[in-house]
Amino acid sequence: MKARLWIAAAAASSAMALVGCAGTGPNQQLGVGAGAVGGALVGQAIGHNTAATVGGAAIGGLIGNEVGRNADQRNYNNNRNNYYPYNGPSN
């Protein structure tokens, strides 16, 4: 019975994670992941307990989300305006 509960919980959390990333850009997704991992490492180094690790992961994920979202927005704006940096010499 416990195994069924764990499988159901894993399936539900996987589905929620996939649905939550549906409308985000690639840099935003990468930023959340990298920020959460980095925040967890810093939280563990500072607090040496689970609460600090979870708190660090949450804060790092939020910061990474914003940084990645800004990068996606900048890329979108640059592509929309036909901006090509380092396009070679102009004639």
Foldseek 3Di string as FASTA:
>chain_A
DVVVVVVVVVVVVVVVVVVVCPPADPQLVVLLVVQLVVQLVVQCVPPVDDVSSNVRSVVRNVVRNVVSRVVVVVVVVCVVVVHDPPPDDDD
